[in-house]
Amino acid sequence: MATGILKVQGDKVVGSDRQPVILRGAGLGGWLNMENLITGYLAHEYQHRAYTLKVLGPDHYQYFFDKWGEYFFTEADAKLFSGLGLNYIRIPIYYRHFEDDMNTRVLKENHPDRAFWLWEQIVVRYKGKPWVAGYNLLNEPCDSQHIHLLAFYGRWNGFDKVLPNSVYSLHYYAGMGFLTGESLERQSHRKAEFMKSHDPSKAEDTEAIHQKGYNLLGEQLRIYNKYQIHYLQGMLHTSPESKWNRTVQSFVEKKQRLRLDTWVTHPSPEVNAVLQPRLEWIDKFAELFRGMTEKELEELDFCFHFDKDHVRLRGHIS
């Protein structure tokens, strides 16, 4: 086990003794950052919490989430992970544990600035702690227009310019039952190509959710050990017979059948038959403007200009 503060040295992660260390760990998703695919609720955590507050009232709400934090990760979990030979824990965090959206006196209004501000506070607090291996600045970011995300990475000198003492993390979700052996290894190399060309000391993040995924998981671990790749695994789940599962199971089944989640959706011919024709109409409206010149587009826009010769009441066309 490496000692002291970890750092990147060439293509290795080393301790203060300059000995290489391979990080093999578990993730605590669902604890300080709740995830609907883990616990079954719908929408975002802040919405889940808001409606739970309405249902339970302030006292029971506080009690429920206090006990959630208490029971989700205990010394028994730590002993299990240690006994399996794991040497680090990844702890996703929800920023609202540290910030108050309504307290604008201490928060910066622009979201990227707020993210930077929060990381600054965290780093100052934990600076010099040898049990902190590193910080994962932004988990699985999503930006459909590729504007805000690029601006965020730009604050760190860009995504393809590796900062000193930093590594890339690849979330490698391979399809269960389709890839084994050599083909899985080729896919792993392909997905890690960008990381290998920019950052040799790469890390990977995988999850095995169903029983049949253990064969795939074994192959992935074999590949990671072969190439000395750091990795992270999701380890535990609630019992199907537990009170939690029995309470939420019917809701989860309805949610899956209606495809109410935007992540980890399940096939539903009934829902597709209803939604797909409506989604196609979104494209059809935009197609009305295809091929128009700038003059024609301006003519369209000018229809909403207030002109003395065209007095009208502004309203909706429906």
C-alpha atoms as a PDB file:
ATOM      1  CA  MET A   1       0.000   0.000   0.000  1.00  0.00           C
ATOM      2  CA  ALA A   2       1.407   3.395  -0.986  1.00  0.00           C
ATOM      3  CA  THR A   3       2.034   5.951   1.746  1.00  0.00           C
ATOM      4  CA  GLY A   4       1.444   9.683   1.895  1.00  0.00           C
ATOM      5  CA  ILE A   5      -0.062  11.897  -0.786  1.00  0.00           C
ATOM      6  CA  LEU A   6      -0.604  10.189  -4.155  1.00  0.00           C
ATOM      7  CA  LYS A   7       0.684  11.837  -7.310  1.00  0.00           C
ATOM      8  CA  VAL A   8       1.174  11.101 -10.994  1.00  0.00           C
ATOM      9  CA  GLN A   9       4.722  10.212 -12.032  1.00  0.00           C
ATOM     10  CA  GLY A  10       5.084   9.430 -15.722  1.00  0.00           C
ATOM     11  CA  ASP A  11       2.542   6.711 -16.504  1.00  0.00           C
ATOM     12  CA  LYS A  12       2.155   5.639 -12.865  1.00  0.00           C
ATOM     13  CA  VAL A  13       0.319   6.763  -9.755  1.00  0.00           C
ATOM     14  CA  VAL A  14       2.777   6.637  -6.842  1.00  0.00           C
ATOM     15  CA  GLY A  15       2.873   7.350  -3.118  1.00  0.00           C
ATOM     16  CA  SER A  16       5.368   9.459  -1.203  1.00  0.00           C
ATOM     17  CA  ASP A  17       7.611   6.390  -1.160  1.00  0.00           C
ATOM     18  CA  ARG A  18       7.636   6.583  -5.010  1.00  0.00           C
ATOM     19  CA  GLN A  19       6.214   3.076  -5.236  1.00  0.00           C
ATOM     20  CA  PRO A  20       3.445   2.522  -7.845  1.00  0.00           C
ATOM     21  CA  VAL A  21      -0.070   1.926  -6.592  1.00  0.00           C
ATOM     22  CA  ILE A  22      -3.053   0.545  -8.520  1.00  0.00           C
ATOM     23  CA  LEU A  23      -6.341   1.944  -7.229  1.00  0.00           C
ATOM     24  CA  ARG A  24      -9.007  -0.745  -6.908  1.00  0.00           C
ATOM     25  CA  GLY A  25     -12.136   0.535  -5.304  1.00  0.00           C
ATOM     26  CA  ALA A  26     -15.882   0.690  -4.784  1.00  0.00           C
ATOM     27  CA  GLY A  27     -18.378   3.484  -5.373  1.00  0.00           C
ATOM     28  CA  LEU A  28     -20.920   4.831  -2.880  1.00  0.00           C
ATOM     29  CA  GLY A  29     -23.406   6.171  -5.414  1.00  0.00           C
ATOM     30  CA  GLY A  30     -26.794   6.748  -3.786  1.00  0.00           C
ATOM     31  CA  TRP A  31     -25.433   7.869  -0.404  1.00  0.00           C
ATOM     32  CA  LEU A  32     -24.433  11.551  -0.528  1.00  0.00           C
ATOM     33  CA  ASN A  33     -25.669  11.808  -4.104  1.00  0.00           C
ATOM     34  CA  MET A  34     -28.924   9.898  -4.571  1.00  0.00           C
ATOM     35  CA  GLU A  35     -29.532   8.202  -7.922  1.00  0.00           C
ATOM     36  CA  ASN A  36     -32.972   7.113  -9.165  1.00  0.00           C
ATOM     37  CA  LEU A  37     -31.552   3.995 -10.849  1.00  0.00           C
ATOM     38  CA  ILE A  38     -30.258   2.871  -7.442  1.00  0.00           C
ATOM     39  CA  THR A  39     -33.160   3.681  -5.131  1.00  0.00           C
ATOM     40  CA  GLY A  40     -36.105   3.804  -7.547  1.00  0.00           C
ATOM     41  CA  TYR A  41     -37.463   7.348  -7.226  1.00  0.00           C
ATOM     42  CA  LEU A  42     -38.358   9.469 -10.244  1.00  0.00           C
ATOM     43  CA  ALA A  43     -36.769  12.703 -11.548  1.00  0.00           C
ATOM     44  CA  HIS A  44     -33.944  14.499  -9.696  1.00  0.00           C
ATOM     45  CA  GLU A  45     -32.865  14.284  -6.068  1.00  0.00           C
ATOM     46  CA  TYR A  46     -34.076  17.779  -5.200  1.00  0.00           C
ATOM     47  CA  GLN A  47     -37.546  16.900  -6.528  1.00  0.00           C
ATOM     48  CA  HIS A  48     -37.554  13.588  -4.677  1.00  0.00           C
ATOM     49  CA  ARG A  49     -36.604  15.376  -1.469  1.00  0.00           C
ATOM     50  CA  ALA A  50     -39.157  18.158  -1.984  1.00  0.00           C
ATOM     51  CA  TYR A  51     -42.103  15.768  -2.397  1.00  0.00           C
ATOM     52  CA  THR A  52     -40.873  13.532   0.424  1.00  0.00           C
ATOM     53  CA  LEU A  53     -40.914  16.615   2.659  1.00  0.00           C
ATOM     54  CA  LYS A  54     -44.542  17.287   1.694  1.00  0.00           C
ATOM     55  CA  VAL A  55     -45.527  13.699   2.428  1.00  0.00           C
ATOM     56  CA  LEU A  56     -43.626  13.134   5.681  1.00  0.00           C
ATOM     57  CA  GLY A  57     -43.548  16.620   7.155  1.00  0.00           C
ATOM     58  CA  PRO A  58     -40.377  18.324   8.460  1.00  0.00           C
ATOM     59  CA  ASP A  59     -39.698  16.086  11.475  1.00  0.00           C
ATOM     60  CA  HIS A  60     -40.140  12.703   9.780  1.00  0.00           C
ATOM     61  CA  TYR A  61     -38.379  14.010   6.655  1.00  0.00           C
ATOM     62  CA  GLN A  62     -35.299  14.975   8.649  1.00  0.00           C
ATOM     63  CA  TYR A  63     -35.388  11.684  10.564  1.00  0.00           C
ATOM     64  CA  PHE A  64     -35.714   9.649   7.367  1.00  0.00           C
ATOM     65  CA  PHE A  65     -32.749  11.234   5.606  1.00  0.00           C
ATOM     66  CA  ASP A  66     -30.607  11.334   8.767  1.00  0.00           C
ATOM     67  CA  LYS A  67     -31.078   7.572   9.102  1.00  0.00           C
ATOM     68  CA  TRP A  68     -30.424   7.173   5.375  1.00  0.00           C
ATOM     69  CA  GLY A  69     -26.992   8.728   5.840  1.00  0.00           C
ATOM     70  CA  GLU A  70     -26.362   6.679   8.964  1.00  0.00           C
ATOM     71  CA  TYR A  71     -27.225   3.254   7.555  1.00  0.00           C
ATOM     72  CA  PHE A  72     -26.103   3.530   3.931  1.00  0.00           C
ATOM     73  CA  PHE A  73     -22.387   3.252   4.710  1.00  0.00           C
ATOM     74  CA  THR A  74     -21.046   1.902   7.999  1.00  0.00           C
ATOM     75  CA  GLU A  75     -17.906   0.345   9.421  1.00  0.00           C
ATOM     76  CA  ALA A  76     -19.190  -3.044   8.239  1.00  0.00           C
ATOM     77  CA  ASP A  77     -19.118  -1.813   4.633  1.00  0.00           C
ATOM     78  CA  ALA A  78     -15.568  -0.549   5.091  1.00  0.00           C
ATOM     79  CA  LYS A  79     -14.462  -3.892   6.531  1.00  0.00           C
ATOM     80  CA  LEU A  80     -16.024  -5.741   3.579  1.00  0.00           C
ATOM     81  CA  PHE A  81     -14.238  -3.541   1.027  1.00  0.00           C
ATOM     82  CA  SER A  82     -10.950  -3.827   2.874  1.00  0.00           C
ATOM     83  CA  GLY A  83     -11.319  -7.597   3.140  1.00  0.00           C
ATOM     84  CA  LEU A  84     -11.789  -7.799  -0.629  1.00  0.00           C
ATOM     85  CA  GLY A  85      -8.436  -6.089  -1.119  1.00  0.00           C
ATOM     86  CA  LEU A  86      -9.867  -2.754  -2.271  1.00  0.00           C
ATOM     87  CA  ASN A  87      -7.842   0.315  -1.413  1.00  0.00           C
ATOM     88  CA  TYR A  88     -10.061   3.310  -2.177  1.00  0.00           C
ATOM     89  CA  ILE A  89     -13.667   4.499  -1.998  1.00  0.00           C
ATOM     90  CA  ARG A  90     -15.303   6.876  -4.492  1.00  0.00           C
ATOM     91  CA  ILE A  91     -17.853   9.164  -2.795  1.00  0.00           C
ATOM     92  CA  PRO A  92     -20.158  11.089  -5.159  1.00  0.00           C
ATOM     93  CA  ILE A  93     -21.508  14.234  -3.496  1.00  0.00           C
ATOM     94  CA  TYR A  94     -24.568  16.400  -4.107  1.00  0.00           C
ATOM     95  CA  TYR A  95     -23.665  20.073  -4.068  1.00  0.00           C
ATOM     96  CA  ARG A  96     -26.786  21.024  -2.124  1.00  0.00           C
ATOM     97  CA  HIS A  97     -25.251  19.352   0.938  1.00  0.00           C
ATOM     98  CA  PHE A  98     -22.764  22.231   0.934  1.00  0.00           C
ATOM     99  CA  GLU A  99     -24.620  25.126  -0.701  1.00  0.00           C
ATOM    100  CA  ASP A 100     -27.957  26.821  -0.164  1.00  0.00           C
ATOM    101  CA  ASP A 101     -29.599  27.959  -3.407  1.00  0.00           C
ATOM    102  CA  MET A 102     -31.540  30.621  -1.542  1.00  0.00           C
ATOM    103  CA  ASN A 103     -28.504  32.075   0.241  1.00  0.00           C
ATOM    104  CA  THR A 104     -27.153  34.266  -2.529  1.00  0.00           C
ATOM    105  CA  ARG A 105     -24.858  36.171  -0.181  1.00  0.00           C
ATOM    106  CA  VAL A 106     -22.350  33.319  -0.194  1.00  0.00           C
ATOM    107  CA  LEU A 107     -22.968  31.742  -3.599  1.00  0.00           C
ATOM    108  CA  LYS A 108     -21.879  32.849  -7.016  1.00  0.00           C
ATOM    109  CA  GLU A 109     -24.799  33.012  -9.428  1.00  0.00           C
ATOM    110  CA  ASN A 110     -23.135  31.542 -12.519  1.00  0.00           C
ATOM    111  CA  HIS A 111     -23.182  27.747 -12.246  1.00  0.00           C
ATOM    112  CA  PRO A 112     -19.598  27.117 -13.506  1.00  0.00           C
ATOM    113  CA  ASP A 113     -18.377  29.751 -11.040  1.00  0.00           C
ATOM    114  CA  ARG A 114     -20.323  28.056  -8.282  1.00  0.00           C
ATOM    115  CA  ALA A 115     -18.746  24.708  -9.177  1.00  0.00           C
ATOM    116  CA  PHE A 116     -15.278  26.249  -9.058  1.00  0.00           C
ATOM    117  CA  TRP A 117     -16.059  28.002  -5.794  1.00  0.00           C
ATOM    118  CA  LEU A 118     -17.249  24.767  -4.177  1.00  0.00           C
ATOM    119  CA  TRP A 119     -14.214  22.782  -5.321  1.00  0.00           C
ATOM    120  CA  GLU A 120     -11.967  25.496  -3.919  1.00  0.00           C
ATOM    121  CA  GLN A 121     -13.633  25.129  -0.513  1.00  0.00           C
ATOM    122  CA  ILE A 122     -13.353  21.329  -0.592  1.00  0.00           C
ATOM    123  CA  VAL A 123      -9.698  21.365  -1.625  1.00  0.00           C
ATOM    124  CA  VAL A 124      -8.779  23.890   1.071  1.00  0.00           C
ATOM    125  CA  ARG A 125     -10.525  21.782   3.710  1.00  0.00           C
ATOM    126  CA  TYR A 126      -8.887  18.477   2.716  1.00  0.00           C
ATOM    127  CA  LYS A 127      -5.502  19.736   1.520  1.00  0.00           C
ATOM    128  CA  GLY A 128      -2.668  17.572   2.771  1.00  0.00           C
ATOM    129  CA  LYS A 129      -4.901  14.679   3.862  1.00  0.00           C
ATOM    130  CA  PRO A 130      -3.120  11.478   2.753  1.00  0.00           C
ATOM    131  CA  TRP A 131      -6.395   9.511   2.801  1.00  0.00           C
ATOM    132  CA  VAL A 132      -7.771  11.664  -0.049  1.00  0.00           C
ATOM    133  CA  ALA A 133      -6.551  10.056  -3.291  1.00  0.00           C
ATOM    134  CA  GLY A 134      -7.984  12.708  -5.604  1.00  0.00           C
ATOM    135  CA  TYR A 135     -11.034  14.616  -6.825  1.00  0.00           C
ATOM    136  CA  ASN A 136     -13.331  13.731  -9.730  1.00  0.00           C
ATOM    137  CA  LEU A 137     -14.361  17.239 -10.811  1.00  0.00           C
ATOM    138  CA  LEU A 138     -17.426  16.478 -12.937  1.00  0.00           C
ATOM    139  CA  ASN A 139     -19.213  13.131 -13.151  1.00  0.00           C
ATOM    140  CA  GLU A 140     -20.791  12.008 -16.446  1.00  0.00           C
ATOM    141  CA  PRO A 141     -21.504  15.564 -17.660  1.00  0.00           C
ATOM    142  CA  CYS A 142     -24.324  16.207 -20.112  1.00  0.00           C
ATOM    143  CA  ASP A 143     -24.628  19.233 -22.388  1.00  0.00           C
ATOM    144  CA  SER A 144     -26.646  18.674 -25.543  1.00  0.00           C
ATOM    145  CA  GLN A 145     -25.349  21.874 -27.160  1.00  0.00           C
ATOM    146  CA  HIS A 146     -21.700  21.345 -26.145  1.00  0.00           C
ATOM    147  CA  ILE A 147     -21.458  24.957 -24.964  1.00  0.00           C
ATOM    148  CA  HIS A 148     -21.556  25.131 -21.159  1.00  0.00           C
ATOM    149  CA  LEU A 149     -19.559  21.936 -20.747  1.00  0.00           C
ATOM    150  CA  LEU A 150     -16.763  23.133 -23.022  1.00  0.00           C
ATOM    151  CA  ALA A 151     -16.721  26.436 -21.171  1.00  0.00           C
ATOM    152  CA  PHE A 152     -16.368  24.534 -17.905  1.00  0.00           C
ATOM    153  CA  TYR A 153     -13.471  22.473 -19.224  1.00  0.00           C
ATOM    154  CA  GLY A 154     -12.001  25.652 -20.699  1.00  0.00           C
ATOM    155  CA  ARG A 155     -11.587  26.958 -17.172  1.00  0.00           C
ATOM    156  CA  TRP A 156      -9.237  24.012 -16.625  1.00  0.00           C
ATOM    157  CA  ASN A 157      -7.237  24.835 -19.798  1.00  0.00           C
ATOM    158  CA  GLY A 158      -9.317  22.570 -21.989  1.00  0.00           C
ATOM    159  CA  PHE A 159     -10.242  18.903 -21.985  1.00  0.00           C
ATOM    160  CA  ASP A 160      -7.391  17.670 -24.180  1.00  0.00           C
ATOM    161  CA  LYS A 161      -4.663  19.536 -22.272  1.00  0.00           C
ATOM    162  CA  VAL A 162      -3.942  17.383 -19.256  1.00  0.00           C
ATOM    163  CA  LEU A 163      -3.284  19.341 -16.101  1.00  0.00           C
ATOM    164  CA  PRO A 164      -0.285  18.382 -13.961  1.00  0.00           C
ATOM    165  CA  ASN A 165      -0.865  15.531 -11.525  1.00  0.00           C
ATOM    166  CA  SER A 166      -4.231  14.540 -13.037  1.00  0.00           C
ATOM    167  CA  VAL A 167      -5.737  11.486 -14.709  1.00  0.00           C
ATOM    168  CA  TYR A 168      -8.730  10.711 -16.922  1.00  0.00           C
ATOM    169  CA  SER A 169     -11.578   8.482 -15.782  1.00  0.00           C
ATOM    170  CA  LEU A 170     -13.421   6.310 -18.296  1.00  0.00           C
ATOM    171  CA  HIS A 171     -16.870   4.965 -17.394  1.00  0.00           C
ATOM    172  CA  TYR A 172     -16.853   1.681 -19.261  1.00  0.00           C
ATOM    173  CA  TYR A 173     -20.353   0.185 -19.474  1.00  0.00           C
ATOM    174  CA  ALA A 174     -19.927  -2.889 -21.680  1.00  0.00           C
ATOM    175  CA  GLY A 175     -22.941  -4.827 -22.968  1.00  0.00           C
ATOM    176  CA  MET A 176     -23.548  -8.010 -21.008  1.00  0.00           C
ATOM    177  CA  GLY A 177     -23.706 -11.250 -22.987  1.00  0.00           C
ATOM    178  CA  PHE A 178     -22.288  -9.792 -26.209  1.00  0.00           C
ATOM    179  CA  LEU A 179     -18.560  -9.361 -25.707  1.00  0.00           C
ATOM    180  CA  THR A 180     -16.099 -11.790 -24.176  1.00  0.00           C
ATOM    181  CA  GLY A 181     -12.394 -12.466 -24.246  1.00  0.00           C
ATOM    182  CA  GLU A 182     -10.459 -10.884 -27.088  1.00  0.00           C
ATOM    183  CA  SER A 183     -13.388  -8.850 -28.465  1.00  0.00           C
ATOM    184  CA  LEU A 184     -13.996  -7.278 -25.035  1.00  0.00           C
ATOM    185  CA  GLU A 185     -10.310  -6.486 -24.776  1.00  0.00           C
ATOM    186  CA  ARG A 186     -10.342  -4.781 -28.201  1.00  0.00           C
ATOM    187  CA  GLN A 187     -13.356  -2.705 -27.162  1.00  0.00           C
ATOM    188  CA  SER A 188     -11.591  -1.696 -23.968  1.00  0.00           C
ATOM    189  CA  HIS A 189      -8.572  -0.485 -25.952  1.00  0.00           C
ATOM    190  CA  ARG A 190     -10.809   1.446 -28.369  1.00  0.00           C
ATOM    191  CA  LYS A 191     -12.715   3.223 -25.595  1.00  0.00           C
ATOM    192  CA  ALA A 192      -9.490   4.073 -23.793  1.00  0.00           C
ATOM    193  CA  GLU A 193      -7.710   5.327 -26.944  1.00  0.00           C
ATOM    194  CA  PHE A 194      -8.186   9.019 -26.123  1.00  0.00           C
ATOM    195  CA  MET A 195      -7.042   8.526 -22.542  1.00  0.00           C
ATOM    196  CA  LYS A 196      -3.958   6.556 -23.548  1.00  0.00           C
ATOM    197  CA  SER A 197      -2.910   9.251 -25.995  1.00  0.00           C
ATOM    198  CA  HIS A 198      -3.348  12.059 -23.449  1.00  0.00           C
ATOM    199  CA  ASP A 199      -2.916  10.433 -20.056  1.00  0.00           C
ATOM    200  CA  PRO A 200      -1.160   7.084 -19.545  1.00  0.00           C
ATOM    201  CA  SER A 201      -2.236   6.797 -15.895  1.00  0.00           C
ATOM    202  CA  LYS A 202      -5.869   6.135 -16.795  1.00  0.00           C
ATOM    203  CA  ALA A 203      -8.664   4.888 -14.558  1.00  0.00           C
ATOM    204  CA  GLU A 204     -11.877   3.026 -15.425  1.00  0.00           C
ATOM    205  CA  ASP A 205     -15.298   2.862 -13.782  1.00  0.00           C
ATOM    206  CA  THR A 206     -17.586  -0.141 -14.364  1.00  0.00           C
ATOM    207  CA  GLU A 207     -20.786  -1.572 -12.926  1.00  0.00           C
ATOM    208  CA  ALA A 208     -22.250  -5.076 -12.923  1.00  0.00           C
ATOM    209  CA  ILE A 209     -25.958  -4.790 -12.144  1.00  0.00           C
ATOM    210  CA  HIS A 210     -27.440  -8.239 -12.876  1.00  0.00           C
ATOM    211  CA  GLN A 211     -26.327 -11.752 -11.925  1.00  0.00           C
ATOM    212  CA  LYS A 212     -25.458 -12.611 -15.533  1.00  0.00           C
ATOM    213  CA  GLY A 213     -23.034  -9.696 -15.539  1.00  0.00           C
ATOM    214  CA  TYR A 214     -20.535 -11.535 -13.351  1.00  0.00           C
ATOM    215  CA  ASN A 215     -18.991 -13.316 -16.332  1.00  0.00           C
ATOM    216  CA  LEU A 216     -18.488  -9.968 -18.045  1.00  0.00           C
ATOM    217  CA  LEU A 217     -17.167  -8.472 -14.820  1.00  0.00           C
ATOM    218  CA  GLY A 218     -14.613 -11.266 -14.504  1.00  0.00           C
ATOM    219  CA  GLU A 219     -13.351 -10.586 -18.025  1.00  0.00           C
ATOM    220  CA  GLN A 220     -13.100  -6.866 -17.348  1.00  0.00           C
ATOM    221  CA  LEU A 221     -11.143  -7.395 -14.141  1.00  0.00           C
ATOM    222  CA  ARG A 222      -8.798  -9.765 -15.968  1.00  0.00           C
ATOM    223  CA  ILE A 223      -8.105  -7.071 -18.566  1.00  0.00           C
ATOM    224  CA  TYR A 224      -7.601  -4.374 -15.913  1.00  0.00           C
ATOM    225  CA  ASN A 225      -5.147  -6.564 -14.009  1.00  0.00           C
ATOM    226  CA  LYS A 226      -3.322  -7.478 -17.213  1.00  0.00           C
ATOM    227  CA  TYR A 227      -2.743  -3.824 -18.128  1.00  0.00           C
ATOM    228  CA  GLN A 228      -2.480  -2.513 -14.557  1.00  0.00           C
ATOM    229  CA  ILE A 229      -5.516  -0.225 -14.893  1.00  0.00           C
ATOM    230  CA  HIS A 230      -7.097   1.458 -11.873  1.00  0.00           C
ATOM    231  CA  TYR A 231     -10.754   0.478 -11.535  1.00  0.00           C
ATOM    232  CA  LEU A 232     -13.906   1.136  -9.533  1.00  0.00           C
ATOM    233  CA  GLN A 233     -16.889  -1.180  -9.019  1.00  0.00           C
ATOM    234  CA  GLY A 234     -20.386  -0.915  -7.610  1.00  0.00           C
ATOM    235  CA  MET A 235     -20.490  -3.637  -4.929  1.00  0.00           C
ATOM    236  CA  LEU A 236     -23.752  -3.938  -2.969  1.00  0.00           C
ATOM    237  CA  HIS A 237     -27.518  -3.815  -3.456  1.00  0.00           C
ATOM    238  CA  THR A 238     -30.573  -4.102  -1.249  1.00  0.00           C
ATOM    239  CA  SER A 239     -32.177  -7.500  -0.746  1.00  0.00           C
ATOM    240  CA  PRO A 240     -35.215  -8.269  -2.945  1.00  0.00           C
ATOM    241  CA  GLU A 241     -36.997  -9.318   0.283  1.00  0.00           C
ATOM    242  CA  SER A 242     -36.145  -6.093   2.150  1.00  0.00           C
ATOM    243  CA  LYS A 243     -38.835  -3.646   3.267  1.00  0.00           C
ATOM    244  CA  TRP A 244     -37.385  -1.064   0.848  1.00  0.00           C
ATOM    245  CA  ASN A 245     -37.740  -3.319  -2.187  1.00  0.00           C
ATOM    246  CA  ARG A 246     -41.193  -4.518  -1.170  1.00  0.00           C
ATOM    247  CA  THR A 247     -42.296  -0.903  -0.690  1.00  0.00           C
ATOM    248  CA  VAL A 248     -41.032   0.522  -3.991  1.00  0.00           C
ATOM    249  CA  GLN A 249     -41.108  -2.493  -6.341  1.00  0.00           C
ATOM    250  CA  SER A 250     -44.556  -1.885  -7.868  1.00  0.00           C
ATOM    251  CA  PHE A 251     -43.663   1.777  -8.480  1.00  0.00           C
ATOM    252  CA  VAL A 252     -40.360   0.831 -10.122  1.00  0.00           C
ATOM    253  CA  GLU A 253     -42.106  -1.667 -12.400  1.00  0.00           C
ATOM    254  CA  LYS A 254     -44.632   0.960 -13.525  1.00  0.00           C
ATOM    255  CA  LYS A 255     -41.834   3.474 -14.031  1.00  0.00           C
ATOM    256  CA  GLN A 256     -39.936   1.023 -16.222  1.00  0.00           C
ATOM    257  CA  ARG A 257     -43.023   0.044 -18.186  1.00  0.00           C
ATOM    258  CA  LEU A 258     -43.862   3.694 -18.906  1.00  0.00           C
ATOM    259  CA  ARG A 259     -40.201   4.618 -19.596  1.00  0.00           C
ATOM    260  CA  LEU A 260     -40.315   7.544 -17.201  1.00  0.00           C
ATOM    261  CA  ASP A 261     -36.556   7.606 -16.622  1.00  0.00           C
ATOM    262  CA  THR A 262     -34.222   9.273 -19.113  1.00  0.00           C
ATOM    263  CA  TRP A 263     -31.385   6.923 -18.115  1.00  0.00           C
ATOM    264  CA  VAL A 264     -31.479   3.128 -18.118  1.00  0.00           C
ATOM    265  CA  THR A 265     -34.769   2.976 -20.035  1.00  0.00           C
ATOM    266  CA  HIS A 266     -36.499  -0.311 -20.768  1.00  0.00           C
ATOM    267  CA  PRO A 267     -38.080  -1.353 -24.088  1.00  0.00           C
ATOM    268  CA  SER A 268     -41.793  -0.540 -24.273  1.00  0.00           C
ATOM    269  CA  PRO A 269     -43.601  -0.990 -27.613  1.00  0.00           C
ATOM    270  CA  GLU A 270     -46.749   0.575 -26.140  1.00  0.00           C
ATOM    271  CA  VAL A 271     -44.950   3.784 -25.139  1.00  0.00           C
ATOM    272  CA  ASN A 272     -43.018   3.936 -28.413  1.00  0.00           C
ATOM    273  CA  ALA A 273     -46.259   3.700 -30.370  1.00  0.00           C
ATOM    274  CA  VAL A 274     -47.625   6.724 -28.510  1.00  0.00           C
ATOM    275  CA  LEU A 275     -44.535   8.941 -28.364  1.00  0.00           C
ATOM    276  CA  GLN A 276     -42.716   8.341 -31.636  1.00  0.00           C
ATOM    277  CA  PRO A 277     -45.301  10.001 -33.938  1.00  0.00           C
ATOM    278  CA  ARG A 278     -45.293  13.071 -31.692  1.00  0.00           C
ATOM    279  CA  LEU A 279     -41.504  13.269 -31.638  1.00  0.00           C
ATOM    280  CA  GLU A 280     -41.445  13.180 -35.430  1.00  0.00           C
ATOM    281  CA  TRP A 281     -43.618  16.312 -35.544  1.00  0.00           C
ATOM    282  CA  ILE A 282     -40.838  18.254 -33.783  1.00  0.00           C
ATOM    283  CA  ASP A 283     -38.645  17.685 -36.823  1.00  0.00           C
ATOM    284  CA  LYS A 284     -41.482  18.393 -39.258  1.00  0.00           C
ATOM    285  CA  PHE A 285     -41.975  21.924 -37.936  1.00  0.00           C
ATOM    286  CA  ALA A 286     -38.274  22.758 -38.300  1.00  0.00           C
ATOM    287  CA  GLU A 287     -38.321  21.307 -41.829  1.00  0.00           C
ATOM    288  CA  LEU A 288     -40.689  24.110 -42.889  1.00  0.00           C
ATOM    289  CA  PHE A 289     -37.696  26.491 -42.864  1.00  0.00           C
ATOM    290  CA  ARG A 290     -35.251  24.290 -44.764  1.00  0.00           C
ATOM    291  CA  GLY A 291     -33.617  25.943 -47.777  1.00  0.00           C
ATOM    292  CA  MET A 292     -34.791  29.477 -47.009  1.00  0.00           C
ATOM    293  CA  THR A 293     -32.486  32.387 -47.816  1.00  0.00           C
ATOM    294  CA  GLU A 294     -31.534  35.005 -45.259  1.00  0.00           C
ATOM    295  CA  LYS A 295     -33.995  37.379 -46.902  1.00  0.00           C
ATOM    296  CA  GLU A 296     -36.803  34.868 -46.505  1.00  0.00           C
ATOM    297  CA  LEU A 297     -35.869  34.171 -42.901  1.00  0.00           C
ATOM    298  CA  GLU A 298     -35.815  37.879 -42.133  1.00  0.00           C
ATOM    299  CA  GLU A 299     -39.214  38.227 -43.775  1.00  0.00           C
ATOM    300  CA  LEU A 300     -40.526  35.580 -41.430  1.00  0.00           C
ATOM    301  CA  ASP A 301     -39.046  37.308 -38.386  1.00  0.00           C
ATOM    302  CA  PHE A 302     -40.427  40.684 -39.486  1.00  0.00           C
ATOM    303  CA  CYS A 303     -43.934  39.286 -39.169  1.00  0.00           C
ATOM    304  CA  PHE A 304     -43.566  39.831 -35.409  1.00  0.00           C
ATOM    305  CA  HIS A 305     -42.339  43.419 -35.780  1.00  0.00           C
ATOM    306  CA  PHE A 306     -44.759  46.110 -34.625  1.00  0.00           C
ATOM    307  CA  ASP A 307     -45.546  48.179 -37.687  1.00  0.00           C
ATOM    308  CA  LYS A 308     -48.002  51.083 -37.966  1.00  0.00           C
ATOM    309  CA  ASP A 309     -49.568  49.524 -41.065  1.00  0.00           C
ATOM    310  CA  HIS A 310     -50.118  46.190 -39.391  1.00  0.00           C
ATOM    311  CA  VAL A 311     -51.780  46.826 -36.071  1.00  0.00           C
ATOM    312  CA  ARG A 312     -52.630  43.564 -34.424  1.00  0.00           C
ATOM    313  CA  LEU A 313     -52.962  41.831 -31.098  1.00  0.00           C
ATOM    314  CA  ARG A 314     -50.014  39.609 -30.312  1.00  0.00           C
ATOM    315  CA  GLY A 315     -51.095  36.096 -29.533  1.00  0.00           C
ATOM    316  CA  HIS A 316     -50.526  32.444 -30.196  1.00  0.00           C
ATOM    317  CA  ILE A 317     -51.092  30.669 -33.514  1.00  0.00           C
ATOM    318  CA  SER A 318     -52.767  27.396 -32.652  1.00  0.00           C
END
